[in-house]
Amino acid sequence: MAKIKISAVTNVRNESANIYDCLDSIKFADEIIVVDMESSDNTKEIAKEFTDKIYDHPAVGYVEPARNFALKKAVGDWILLVDADERIPKTLAQKLIDIANKNEVDFVRIPRKNNIFGQWIQHSLWWPDHNIRFFKKGAVEWQDEIHSIPITYGNGINLPADPDFAITHFHYRNIDEYIERSLRYSRQQAKELVSSGYKFDPKDLIVKPISEFISRFFAGEGYKDGLHGLILGFLQGFSIFLIYLRIWQDLDHEPQSGAKMLPIWKTAFKEKAKELRYWLLTVNLHSEKSKVKKIFYKIARKLT
């Protein structure tokens, strides 16, 4: 029986600070494919230490459109897709080799340990953060939309939410990096939202960002991540705000008085205030040890 071959694929742009450690972690693969998107630093020179299969692709501001191009360059039976700021631990590498040799599934969703601002974020909807990153050639196809979910063919599995079987992702290293990406990504996300038929609603400037914060900090238990969780909750809300702000910016604006807008603001804030109260009571309920106080919080939550 012929040996199952694995191709490791990565798309890069100006990743000289990351590319060495990334490629070093995937050198167990039978081939490494690097697709460079107009880097102006020495990313390509560093990559040449690991592979001669380096290809060029125009820079488009985000990775999805270039992924299918990169996948077509791979010749392995299985493909491992990684980003330059990701690392594959040896325990995960062996797990993937075993899965490929057993040949019982077509694609694998792998958890990611997202390290943001120097800390592994274990809540805030950042863990286990399963992503389809290992698959048979031809079993997965990416769409061009930013942060889109890939199209899959066949049967897939989720690896357990175990750090030993997780990709280590060195995500946002600092606030500047987060803001820069938010500014860049929000342009494309706003464009795609309008293309899908979205019509601007002023209350979305309030409702959408607050909803994102609530989903991260409360529903996603971001408060368990401490100050990191609070900061990330606000930043995620800010990113959503930027999307709707860009849509508003591109409209033909008509003068609108404060009196006309006041009912909209009142409705939006009242809706979110009620939701915030519900989640604050929920947090108190889960952290409270007194049975009497638990009953009080349950009643108060029902009345919210």
Protein backbone atom coordinates (compact mmCIF):
# COMPACT_ATOMS: atom_id res chain seq x y z
CA MET A 1 0.00 0.00 0.00
CA ALA A 2 1.39 3.40 -1.02
CA LYS A 3 2.37 5.80 1.74
CA ILE A 4 -0.23 8.49 2.47
CA LYS A 5 1.31 11.88 1.72
CA ILE A 6 0.51 15.10 3.57
CA SER A 7 0.88 18.59 2.09
CA ALA A 8 1.11 21.58 4.41
CA VAL A 9 -0.12 24.85 2.89
CA THR A 10 0.17 28.42 4.12
CA ASN A 11 -0.66 31.84 2.67
CA VAL A 12 1.57 34.68 3.84
CA ARG A 13 2.16 38.42 3.58
CA ASN A 14 4.95 40.19 5.49
CA GLU A 15 5.27 37.41 8.04
CA SER A 16 9.02 37.47 8.66
CA ALA A 17 8.40 37.48 12.43
CA ASN A 18 6.28 34.33 12.26
CA ILE A 19 7.12 32.25 9.22
CA TYR A 20 10.19 30.40 10.57
CA ASP A 21 8.45 28.98 13.64
CA CYS A 22 5.35 28.17 11.61
CA LEU A 23 7.19 26.21 8.93
CA ASP A 24 9.42 24.54 11.51
CA SER A 25 6.28 23.14 13.18
CA ILE A 26 4.95 21.61 9.93
CA LYS A 27 8.14 20.09 8.57
CA PHE A 28 6.72 16.63 9.36
CA ALA A 29 4.61 17.06 6.20
CA ASP A 30 5.78 15.47 2.95
CA GLU A 31 5.69 18.84 1.19
CA ILE A 32 5.29 22.47 2.23
CA ILE A 33 3.51 24.96 -0.02
CA VAL A 34 3.94 28.69 0.61
CA VAL A 35 1.86 31.24 -1.29
CA ASP A 36 3.19 34.75 -0.83
CA MET A 37 0.87 37.73 -1.30
CA GLU A 38 3.29 40.52 -2.26
CA SER A 39 5.42 40.56 0.88
CA SER A 40 7.79 43.52 1.16
CA ASP A 41 9.95 41.96 3.89
CA ASN A 42 12.12 38.81 3.78
CA THR A 43 9.29 36.32 4.32
CA LYS A 44 10.07 34.49 1.06
CA GLU A 45 13.78 34.25 1.83
CA ILE A 46 13.05 32.63 5.20
CA ALA A 47 10.54 30.25 3.61
CA LYS A 48 13.22 29.04 1.18
CA GLU A 49 14.98 27.39 4.14
CA PHE A 50 12.08 24.92 4.29
CA THR A 51 10.73 24.57 0.76
CA ASP A 52 11.27 25.50 -2.88
CA LYS A 53 7.54 25.40 -3.55
CA ILE A 54 6.86 29.11 -3.13
CA TYR A 55 4.24 30.79 -5.31
CA ASP A 56 3.03 34.37 -5.76
CA HIS A 57 -0.55 35.65 -5.52
CA PRO A 58 -1.86 39.23 -5.61
CA ALA A 59 -2.57 40.80 -2.23
CA VAL A 60 -6.31 41.16 -1.74
CA GLY A 61 -6.47 42.35 1.90
CA TYR A 62 -7.63 39.03 3.35
CA VAL A 63 -6.72 35.40 2.79
CA GLU A 64 -9.84 33.58 1.54
CA PRO A 65 -9.57 34.32 -2.22
CA ALA A 66 -5.97 33.06 -2.24
CA ARG A 67 -6.63 29.82 -0.37
CA ASN A 68 -8.11 27.84 -3.25
CA PHE A 69 -5.14 28.91 -5.39
CA ALA A 70 -2.78 27.57 -2.73
CA LEU A 71 -4.68 24.31 -2.31
CA LYS A 72 -4.43 23.58 -6.04
CA LYS A 73 -0.64 23.63 -5.77
CA ALA A 74 -0.60 20.76 -3.25
CA VAL A 75 -0.12 17.19 -4.49
CA GLY A 76 -0.56 15.29 -1.21
CA ASP A 77 -3.45 12.96 -0.42
CA TRP A 78 -4.21 15.10 2.66
CA ILE A 79 -3.77 18.83 3.15
CA LEU A 80 -2.95 20.67 6.37
CA LEU A 81 -3.82 24.36 6.16
CA VAL A 82 -2.03 26.72 8.55
CA ASP A 83 -1.56 30.46 8.95
CA ALA A 84 1.83 32.00 9.60
CA ASP A 85 0.88 32.92 13.17
CA GLU A 86 -0.07 29.31 13.97
CA ARG A 87 2.00 26.39 15.24
CA ILE A 88 1.34 22.63 15.10
CA PRO A 89 2.49 20.89 18.31
CA LYS A 90 4.06 17.44 17.95
CA THR A 91 1.11 15.76 19.68
CA LEU A 92 -1.29 17.20 17.10
CA ALA A 93 1.05 16.35 14.22
CA GLN A 94 1.08 12.69 15.24
CA LYS A 95 -2.70 12.71 15.64
CA LEU A 96 -3.13 14.03 12.10
CA ILE A 97 -0.73 11.46 10.69
CA ASP A 98 -2.75 8.70 12.38
CA ILE A 99 -6.02 10.07 10.99
CA ALA A 100 -4.60 10.23 7.47
CA ASN A 101 -3.31 6.65 7.67
CA LYS A 102 -6.64 5.30 8.97
CA ASN A 103 -8.39 7.08 6.09
CA GLU A 104 -11.85 6.89 7.72
CA VAL A 105 -12.97 10.53 7.31
CA ASP A 106 -12.68 13.30 4.73
CA PHE A 107 -12.01 16.39 6.85
CA VAL A 108 -11.12 17.33 10.42
CA ARG A 109 -12.08 20.32 12.55
CA ILE A 110 -9.16 21.19 14.80
CA PRO A 111 -9.44 23.32 17.98
CA ARG A 112 -7.23 26.39 18.30
CA LYS A 113 -5.59 27.86 21.38
CA ASN A 114 -5.93 31.58 20.69
CA ASN A 115 -3.23 33.55 22.46
CA ILE A 116 -4.38 37.19 22.49
CA PHE A 117 -2.41 39.99 24.14
CA GLY A 118 -0.13 37.36 25.67
CA GLN A 119 -2.78 35.12 27.24
CA TRP A 120 -4.55 31.93 26.15
CA ILE A 121 -8.22 32.95 25.98
CA GLN A 122 -10.23 29.99 27.27
CA HIS A 123 -13.69 31.61 27.08
CA SER A 124 -15.18 34.62 25.23
CA LEU A 125 -16.13 32.28 22.34
CA TRP A 126 -12.42 31.88 21.54
CA TRP A 127 -12.13 28.29 22.74
CA PRO A 128 -12.26 25.64 21.41
CA ASP A 129 -12.64 27.60 18.14
CA HIS A 130 -12.81 24.53 15.85
CA ASN A 131 -11.66 25.17 12.29
CA ILE A 132 -11.49 22.85 9.28
CA ARG A 133 -7.75 22.68 8.70
CA PHE A 134 -6.99 19.06 7.77
CA PHE A 135 -8.72 17.33 4.87
CA LYS A 136 -8.39 15.08 1.86
CA LYS A 137 -7.43 16.86 -1.31
CA GLY A 138 -10.64 18.00 -3.00
CA ALA A 139 -12.82 17.60 0.11
CA VAL A 140 -12.82 21.28 1.09
CA GLU A 141 -13.25 24.44 -0.94
CA TRP A 142 -13.05 28.00 0.34
CA GLN A 143 -15.44 30.78 -0.61
CA ASP A 144 -14.18 34.26 -1.41
CA GLU A 145 -16.10 36.02 1.39
CA ILE A 146 -14.04 37.09 4.39
CA HIS A 147 -14.20 34.70 7.37
CA SER A 148 -16.48 32.43 5.34
CA ILE A 149 -17.18 28.83 6.26
CA PRO A 150 -15.67 26.48 3.66
CA ILE A 151 -17.71 24.10 1.53
CA THR A 152 -17.08 20.47 2.47
CA TYR A 153 -17.64 17.13 0.78
CA GLY A 154 -17.86 13.82 2.64
CA ASN A 155 -17.72 13.09 6.36
CA GLY A 156 -15.89 15.09 9.00
CA ILE A 157 -14.96 14.85 12.67
CA ASN A 158 -14.15 17.29 15.48
CA LEU A 159 -10.99 16.69 17.45
CA PRO A 160 -11.63 16.92 21.21
CA ALA A 161 -11.15 20.29 22.94
CA ASP A 162 -7.79 19.16 24.26
CA PRO A 163 -4.78 21.55 24.23
CA ASP A 164 -2.55 18.66 23.11
CA PHE A 165 -4.60 18.35 19.92
CA ALA A 166 -5.00 22.09 19.28
CA ILE A 167 -3.32 24.49 16.91
CA THR A 168 -1.46 27.16 18.85
CA HIS A 169 -2.55 30.50 17.42
CA PHE A 170 -0.62 33.66 18.28
CA HIS A 171 -3.46 35.95 17.33
CA TYR A 172 -3.45 39.64 18.22
CA ARG A 173 -0.19 40.59 19.91
CA ASN A 174 -1.20 44.13 20.83
CA ILE A 175 -4.02 46.68 20.56
CA ASP A 176 -2.51 48.36 17.48
CA GLU A 177 -2.59 45.07 15.60
CA TYR A 178 -6.20 44.47 16.60
CA ILE A 179 -7.32 47.94 15.50
CA GLU A 180 -5.41 47.72 12.22
CA ARG A 181 -7.07 44.43 11.29
CA SER A 182 -10.49 45.69 12.35
CA LEU A 183 -10.14 48.72 10.10
CA ARG A 184 -9.06 46.54 7.19
CA TYR A 185 -11.57 43.71 7.64
CA SER A 186 -14.56 45.99 8.32
CA ARG A 187 -14.33 47.47 4.82
CA GLN A 188 -14.78 44.07 3.21
CA GLN A 189 -17.40 42.93 5.73
CA ALA A 190 -19.49 46.07 5.13
CA LYS A 191 -19.28 45.55 1.38
CA GLU A 192 -20.40 41.93 1.68
CA LEU A 193 -23.26 42.83 4.04
CA VAL A 194 -24.64 45.41 1.60
CA SER A 195 -24.22 42.98 -1.31
CA SER A 196 -26.32 40.44 0.60
CA GLY A 197 -29.23 42.92 0.65
CA TYR A 198 -28.79 44.62 4.03
CA LYS A 199 -30.47 48.02 4.38
CA PHE A 200 -28.98 50.38 6.95
CA ASP A 201 -30.96 50.82 10.18
CA PRO A 202 -29.70 53.52 12.62
CA LYS A 203 -30.44 51.40 15.68
CA ASP A 204 -27.95 48.79 14.44
CA LEU A 205 -25.14 51.17 15.43
CA ILE A 206 -26.23 50.50 19.01
CA VAL A 207 -27.86 47.08 18.98
CA LYS A 208 -25.28 45.14 16.94
CA PRO A 209 -22.12 46.17 18.89
CA ILE A 210 -23.78 45.69 22.28
CA SER A 211 -25.12 42.29 21.19
CA GLU A 212 -21.59 41.27 20.22
CA PHE A 213 -20.24 42.38 23.60
CA ILE A 214 -22.97 40.47 25.44
CA SER A 215 -22.38 37.31 23.41
CA ARG A 216 -18.64 37.41 24.19
CA PHE A 217 -18.52 38.67 27.75
CA PHE A 218 -21.69 37.14 29.22
CA ALA A 219 -23.04 34.29 27.05
CA GLY A 220 -19.47 33.28 26.14
CA GLU A 221 -18.35 33.67 29.77
CA GLY A 222 -15.67 36.16 28.83
CA TYR A 223 -15.74 37.46 32.40
CA LYS A 224 -13.88 34.26 33.34
CA ASP A 225 -10.95 35.49 31.23
CA GLY A 226 -10.54 38.42 33.61
CA LEU A 227 -9.50 41.81 32.27
CA HIS A 228 -8.56 40.20 28.95
CA GLY A 229 -12.17 39.06 28.57
CA LEU A 230 -13.56 42.52 29.26
CA ILE A 231 -11.16 44.22 26.86
CA LEU A 232 -11.80 41.67 24.12
CA GLY A 233 -15.56 42.01 24.59
CA PHE A 234 -15.34 45.77 24.05
CA LEU A 235 -12.97 45.37 21.08
CA GLN A 236 -15.22 42.80 19.40
CA GLY A 237 -18.16 45.16 19.85
CA PHE A 238 -16.07 47.98 18.37
CA SER A 239 -15.25 45.82 15.33
CA ILE A 240 -18.96 45.26 14.69
CA PHE A 241 -19.63 48.99 15.18
CA LEU A 242 -17.06 49.76 12.46
CA ILE A 243 -18.89 47.58 9.93
CA TYR A 244 -22.17 49.45 10.33
CA LEU A 245 -20.39 52.78 10.57
CA ARG A 246 -18.80 52.17 7.17
CA ILE A 247 -22.19 51.32 5.67
CA TRP A 248 -23.61 54.56 7.11
CA GLN A 249 -20.64 56.51 5.76
CA ASP A 250 -21.39 55.41 2.19
CA LEU A 251 -25.04 56.50 2.28
CA ASP A 252 -26.50 59.70 0.86
CA HIS A 253 -27.17 61.43 4.16
CA GLU A 254 -30.26 63.49 4.82
CA PRO A 255 -30.39 65.91 7.78
CA GLN A 256 -31.98 64.16 10.76
CA SER A 257 -32.99 66.04 13.89
CA GLY A 258 -32.31 64.75 17.37
CA ALA A 259 -36.04 64.68 18.01
CA LYS A 260 -36.55 62.32 15.08
CA MET A 261 -33.79 59.98 16.18
CA LEU A 262 -34.53 60.00 19.92
CA PRO A 263 -37.28 57.33 19.81
CA ILE A 264 -34.92 55.02 17.90
CA TRP A 265 -32.13 55.48 20.45
CA LYS A 266 -34.52 54.99 23.36
CA THR A 267 -35.88 51.74 21.93
CA ALA A 268 -32.42 50.39 21.15
CA PHE A 269 -30.91 51.20 24.55
CA LYS A 270 -33.99 49.97 26.41
CA GLU A 271 -33.83 46.65 24.55
CA LYS A 272 -30.15 46.14 25.32
CA ALA A 273 -30.43 47.38 28.93
CA LYS A 274 -32.99 44.66 29.60
CA GLU A 275 -30.69 42.05 28.08
CA LEU A 276 -27.71 43.29 30.07
CA ARG A 277 -29.71 43.08 33.29
CA TYR A 278 -30.68 39.49 32.47
CA TRP A 279 -27.04 38.47 31.99
CA LEU A 280 -25.82 40.31 35.09
CA LEU A 281 -28.37 38.39 37.12
CA THR A 282 -27.29 35.17 35.42
CA VAL A 283 -23.65 35.76 36.37
CA ASN A 284 -24.67 36.50 39.97
CA LEU A 285 -26.82 33.36 40.01
CA HIS A 286 -23.98 31.12 38.86
CA SER A 287 -21.42 32.63 41.25
CA GLU A 288 -23.67 32.81 44.31
CA LYS A 289 -23.35 30.08 46.98
CA SER A 290 -26.30 31.08 49.16
CA LYS A 291 -29.45 29.14 48.25
CA VAL A 292 -31.65 32.04 49.36
CA LYS A 293 -29.85 34.53 47.14
CA LYS A 294 -29.94 32.07 44.24
CA ILE A 295 -33.72 31.97 44.53
CA PHE A 296 -33.79 35.77 44.57
CA TYR A 297 -31.70 36.00 41.39
CA LYS A 298 -33.85 33.41 39.63
CA ILE A 299 -37.02 35.36 40.43
CA ALA A 300 -35.44 38.67 39.44
CA ARG A 301 -34.25 37.14 36.16
CA LYS A 302 -37.74 35.89 35.31
CA LEU A 303 -39.13 39.35 35.94
CA THR A 304 -36.58 40.97 33.64
